[in-house]
Structure formats: C-alpha cells, structure tokens
Amino acid sequence: MVHQHFMLVPSLTVAENVVLGLPSGRGPLLDLDTASQRIAALGDEYGFRVKPDAPVWQLAVGEQQRVEIIKALYRGAELLILDEPT
C-alpha cells in the first residue's frame, strides 16, 4: 500500500529510504550502489524520473509520492493500492 502520508525519512537519500528496513542479504552491509541502479531502472520502467542519491527533503511532494511508489515496487509489489491517489 502506498500511504497518503509519506513514510520517508527526510534526512536520507531516495535509495536509503527505499531500502530502509530491508534485510541486506549478505552480512550486515547493504550494497547501496546496486540498490540505486535497481531503483533507477524501476523508475525508468514505470516512467518515474528518480535520482537515487537525492536527499528526500529536497524533493517536491509529487517526487516524494513517486519515491513511495518506487519503494513498493522495489519490495516486489504486484498490485498497488493508493490511498487518495489524486
């Protein structure tokens, strides 16, 4: 579900917000470069221009909404439920 009120940490980058709370898969460290590439690829695939290294606090509201959608897609969502999408 993509919430109406964002669940983003403003002081983190787009990529850091997307992977926040996910298991790293290999030891205690997360490969943020690989995650950033996947985030950019998802953005391209769905027509969302996202900069994985951009701090969330610098993004406009519409861009933050796209980050929330990318976050759901990154986690494997096959169906998105949008709370008040207009």
N, C-alpha and C. Protein backbone atom coordinates (compact mmCIF):
# COMPACT_ATOMS: atom_id res chain seq x y z
N MET A 1 0.85 -1.18 0.00
CA MET A 1 0.00 0.00 0.00
C MET A 1 0.88 1.24 0.00
N VAL A 2 0.48 2.21 -0.76
CA VAL A 2 1.17 3.49 -0.79
C VAL A 2 0.30 4.46 0.00
N HIS A 3 0.82 4.95 1.10
CA HIS A 3 0.05 5.78 2.01
C HIS A 3 -0.05 7.23 1.54
N GLN A 4 -1.12 7.88 1.94
CA GLN A 4 -1.32 9.30 1.64
C GLN A 4 -0.25 10.13 2.34
N HIS A 5 0.05 9.79 3.58
CA HIS A 5 1.09 10.48 4.34
C HIS A 5 2.37 9.68 4.19
N PHE A 6 3.40 10.34 3.72
CA PHE A 6 4.63 9.65 3.37
C PHE A 6 5.30 9.02 4.57
N MET A 7 5.93 7.89 4.32
CA MET A 7 6.69 7.17 5.33
C MET A 7 8.16 7.26 4.94
N LEU A 8 8.65 8.48 4.78
CA LEU A 8 10.02 8.73 4.34
C LEU A 8 10.79 9.48 5.43
N VAL A 9 12.10 9.25 5.47
CA VAL A 9 12.98 9.96 6.39
C VAL A 9 13.65 11.08 5.59
N PRO A 10 13.30 12.34 5.86
CA PRO A 10 13.79 13.45 5.05
C PRO A 10 15.31 13.57 4.96
N SER A 11 16.02 13.18 6.01
CA SER A 11 17.48 13.34 6.02
C SER A 11 18.21 12.26 5.23
N LEU A 12 17.49 11.24 4.77
CA LEU A 12 18.11 10.16 3.99
C LEU A 12 17.89 10.39 2.50
N THR A 13 18.67 9.70 1.68
CA THR A 13 18.50 9.79 0.23
C THR A 13 17.32 8.93 -0.21
N VAL A 14 16.96 9.07 -1.46
CA VAL A 14 15.89 8.25 -2.03
C VAL A 14 16.24 6.78 -1.86
N ALA A 15 17.45 6.39 -2.26
CA ALA A 15 17.86 4.98 -2.17
C ALA A 15 17.84 4.48 -0.73
N GLU A 16 18.32 5.28 0.19
CA GLU A 16 18.33 4.87 1.60
C GLU A 16 16.92 4.67 2.12
N ASN A 17 15.99 5.53 1.71
CA ASN A 17 14.60 5.38 2.12
C ASN A 17 13.97 4.13 1.53
N VAL A 18 14.29 3.83 0.29
CA VAL A 18 13.69 2.66 -0.37
C VAL A 18 14.13 1.37 0.32
N VAL A 19 15.40 1.26 0.69
CA VAL A 19 15.91 0.02 1.27
C VAL A 19 15.81 -0.02 2.79
N LEU A 20 15.39 1.07 3.41
CA LEU A 20 15.29 1.14 4.86
C LEU A 20 14.39 0.02 5.40
N GLY A 21 14.93 -0.77 6.30
CA GLY A 21 14.16 -1.84 6.92
C GLY A 21 14.24 -3.17 6.20
N LEU A 22 14.88 -3.21 5.04
CA LEU A 22 15.02 -4.47 4.31
C LEU A 22 16.27 -5.21 4.78
N PRO A 23 16.23 -6.53 4.79
CA PRO A 23 17.44 -7.28 5.12
C PRO A 23 18.48 -7.07 4.02
N SER A 24 19.74 -7.03 4.40
CA SER A 24 20.80 -6.75 3.42
C SER A 24 21.07 -7.92 2.50
N GLY A 25 20.80 -9.13 2.95
CA GLY A 25 21.01 -10.29 2.10
C GLY A 25 22.39 -10.90 2.22
N ARG A 26 23.41 -10.07 2.49
CA ARG A 26 24.77 -10.58 2.62
C ARG A 26 25.45 -9.89 3.80
N GLY A 27 25.40 -10.49 4.93
CA GLY A 27 26.07 -9.89 6.08
C GLY A 27 25.40 -8.61 6.51
N PRO A 28 26.11 -7.80 7.30
CA PRO A 28 25.50 -6.60 7.87
C PRO A 28 25.45 -5.41 6.92
N LEU A 29 26.14 -5.50 5.77
CA LEU A 29 26.22 -4.34 4.88
C LEU A 29 25.31 -4.49 3.67
N LEU A 30 24.78 -3.38 3.23
CA LEU A 30 23.90 -3.34 2.06
C LEU A 30 24.68 -2.73 0.90
N ASP A 31 24.55 -3.28 -0.27
CA ASP A 31 25.19 -2.73 -1.46
C ASP A 31 24.30 -1.62 -2.01
N LEU A 32 24.54 -0.40 -1.56
CA LEU A 32 23.69 0.72 -1.93
C LEU A 32 23.83 1.08 -3.41
N ASP A 33 25.00 0.82 -4.00
CA ASP A 33 25.18 1.10 -5.43
C ASP A 33 24.26 0.22 -6.28
N THR A 34 24.20 -1.07 -5.94
CA THR A 34 23.33 -1.99 -6.67
C THR A 34 21.87 -1.60 -6.46
N ALA A 35 21.51 -1.24 -5.23
CA ALA A 35 20.14 -0.81 -4.93
C ALA A 35 19.80 0.44 -5.74
N SER A 36 20.73 1.38 -5.81
CA SER A 36 20.50 2.62 -6.56
C SER A 36 20.26 2.34 -8.04
N GLN A 37 21.03 1.40 -8.60
CA GLN A 37 20.84 1.04 -10.01
C GLN A 37 19.46 0.42 -10.23
N ARG A 38 19.05 -0.43 -9.31
CA ARG A 38 17.73 -1.06 -9.44
C ARG A 38 16.61 -0.03 -9.30
N ILE A 39 16.78 0.91 -8.38
CA ILE A 39 15.79 1.97 -8.18
C ILE A 39 15.66 2.81 -9.45
N ALA A 40 16.79 3.19 -10.04
CA ALA A 40 16.78 3.97 -11.28
C ALA A 40 16.12 3.17 -12.40
N ALA A 41 16.40 1.87 -12.47
CA ALA A 41 15.79 1.02 -13.51
C ALA A 41 14.28 0.93 -13.33
N LEU A 42 13.82 0.80 -12.09
CA LEU A 42 12.38 0.77 -11.83
C LEU A 42 11.74 2.09 -12.24
N GLY A 43 12.42 3.19 -11.91
CA GLY A 43 11.91 4.50 -12.30
C GLY A 43 11.77 4.62 -13.81
N ASP A 44 12.78 4.16 -14.53
CA ASP A 44 12.73 4.20 -15.99
C ASP A 44 11.61 3.31 -16.53
N GLU A 45 11.49 2.12 -15.96
CA GLU A 45 10.48 1.16 -16.42
C GLU A 45 9.07 1.70 -16.28
N TYR A 46 8.81 2.42 -15.20
CA TYR A 46 7.46 2.92 -14.93
C TYR A 46 7.28 4.40 -15.25
N GLY A 47 8.29 5.02 -15.85
CA GLY A 47 8.17 6.41 -16.26
C GLY A 47 8.33 7.41 -15.14
N PHE A 48 8.97 7.01 -14.05
CA PHE A 48 9.24 7.93 -12.93
C PHE A 48 10.70 8.31 -12.97
N ARG A 49 10.98 9.55 -13.12
CA ARG A 49 12.37 10.00 -13.06
C ARG A 49 12.74 10.19 -11.59
N VAL A 50 13.60 9.33 -11.11
CA VAL A 50 14.05 9.42 -9.72
C VAL A 50 15.56 9.46 -9.69
N LYS A 51 16.10 10.23 -8.77
CA LYS A 51 17.54 10.28 -8.55
C LYS A 51 17.80 9.58 -7.23
N PRO A 52 18.32 8.36 -7.26
CA PRO A 52 18.52 7.59 -6.03
C PRO A 52 19.38 8.29 -4.98
N ASP A 53 20.28 9.18 -5.42
CA ASP A 53 21.18 9.84 -4.46
C ASP A 53 20.65 11.18 -3.96
N ALA A 54 19.45 11.57 -4.38
CA ALA A 54 18.88 12.85 -3.96
C ALA A 54 18.34 12.76 -2.53
N PRO A 55 18.64 13.76 -1.70
CA PRO A 55 18.05 13.79 -0.36
C PRO A 55 16.54 14.02 -0.46
N VAL A 56 15.78 13.27 0.30
CA VAL A 56 14.32 13.36 0.22
C VAL A 56 13.81 14.75 0.59
N TRP A 57 14.48 15.43 1.50
CA TRP A 57 13.99 16.75 1.92
C TRP A 57 14.04 17.76 0.78
N GLN A 58 14.81 17.49 -0.26
CA GLN A 58 14.89 18.41 -1.40
C GLN A 58 13.84 18.13 -2.47
N LEU A 59 13.08 17.07 -2.31
CA LEU A 59 12.12 16.67 -3.34
C LEU A 59 10.78 17.37 -3.16
N ALA A 60 10.14 17.65 -4.28
CA ALA A 60 8.77 18.18 -4.25
C ALA A 60 7.83 17.07 -3.81
N VAL A 61 6.62 17.44 -3.43
CA VAL A 61 5.64 16.48 -2.94
C VAL A 61 5.37 15.38 -3.98
N GLY A 62 5.21 15.75 -5.23
CA GLY A 62 4.97 14.76 -6.28
C GLY A 62 6.12 13.79 -6.43
N GLU A 63 7.34 14.29 -6.28
CA GLU A 63 8.51 13.41 -6.35
C GLU A 63 8.55 12.46 -5.16
N GLN A 64 8.15 12.95 -3.99
CA GLN A 64 8.10 12.09 -2.81
C GLN A 64 7.05 10.99 -2.99
N GLN A 65 5.94 11.32 -3.64
CA GLN A 65 4.93 10.30 -3.94
C GLN A 65 5.51 9.22 -4.84
N ARG A 66 6.29 9.63 -5.82
CA ARG A 66 6.92 8.65 -6.71
C ARG A 66 7.92 7.78 -5.95
N VAL A 67 8.62 8.34 -4.99
CA VAL A 67 9.54 7.54 -4.17
C VAL A 67 8.76 6.48 -3.40
N GLU A 68 7.61 6.84 -2.86
CA GLU A 68 6.78 5.86 -2.14
C GLU A 68 6.34 4.73 -3.08
N ILE A 69 6.00 5.07 -4.31
CA ILE A 69 5.59 4.05 -5.28
C ILE A 69 6.77 3.17 -5.64
N ILE A 70 7.93 3.78 -5.89
CA ILE A 70 9.14 3.01 -6.20
C ILE A 70 9.48 2.09 -5.03
N LYS A 71 9.30 2.57 -3.81
CA LYS A 71 9.58 1.75 -2.63
C LYS A 71 8.72 0.49 -2.64
N ALA A 72 7.45 0.64 -2.95
CA ALA A 72 6.56 -0.53 -3.00
C ALA A 72 6.96 -1.48 -4.13
N LEU A 73 7.30 -0.93 -5.29
CA LEU A 73 7.72 -1.77 -6.42
C LEU A 73 9.04 -2.48 -6.13
N TYR A 74 9.96 -1.80 -5.49
CA TYR A 74 11.26 -2.37 -5.14
C TYR A 74 11.09 -3.59 -4.24
N ARG A 75 10.08 -3.52 -3.40
CA ARG A 75 9.83 -4.62 -2.45
C ARG A 75 9.00 -5.74 -3.06
N GLY A 76 8.73 -5.65 -4.36
CA GLY A 76 8.08 -6.75 -5.06
C GLY A 76 6.57 -6.67 -5.18
N ALA A 77 5.99 -5.51 -4.95
CA ALA A 77 4.53 -5.38 -5.05
C ALA A 77 4.07 -5.69 -6.47
N GLU A 78 3.05 -6.52 -6.58
CA GLU A 78 2.46 -6.83 -7.88
C GLU A 78 1.19 -6.01 -8.11
N LEU A 79 0.66 -5.47 -7.02
CA LEU A 79 -0.55 -4.66 -7.06
C LEU A 79 -0.34 -3.50 -6.11
N LEU A 80 -0.65 -2.29 -6.56
CA LEU A 80 -0.52 -1.11 -5.70
C LEU A 80 -1.91 -0.62 -5.30
N ILE A 81 -2.07 -0.37 -4.02
CA ILE A 81 -3.28 0.25 -3.50
C ILE A 81 -2.87 1.65 -3.07
N LEU A 82 -3.44 2.65 -3.72
CA LEU A 82 -3.05 4.03 -3.46
C LEU A 82 -4.12 4.72 -2.63
N ASP A 83 -3.72 5.27 -1.50
CA ASP A 83 -4.63 5.99 -0.62
C ASP A 83 -4.77 7.41 -1.15
N GLU A 84 -5.94 7.77 -1.63
CA GLU A 84 -6.24 9.08 -2.21
C GLU A 84 -5.21 9.46 -3.27
N PRO A 85 -5.20 8.77 -4.42
CA PRO A 85 -4.18 9.00 -5.44
C PRO A 85 -4.30 10.30 -6.22
N THR A 86 -5.35 11.07 -6.02
CA THR A 86 -5.49 12.31 -6.78
C THR A 86 -4.87 13.47 -6.09
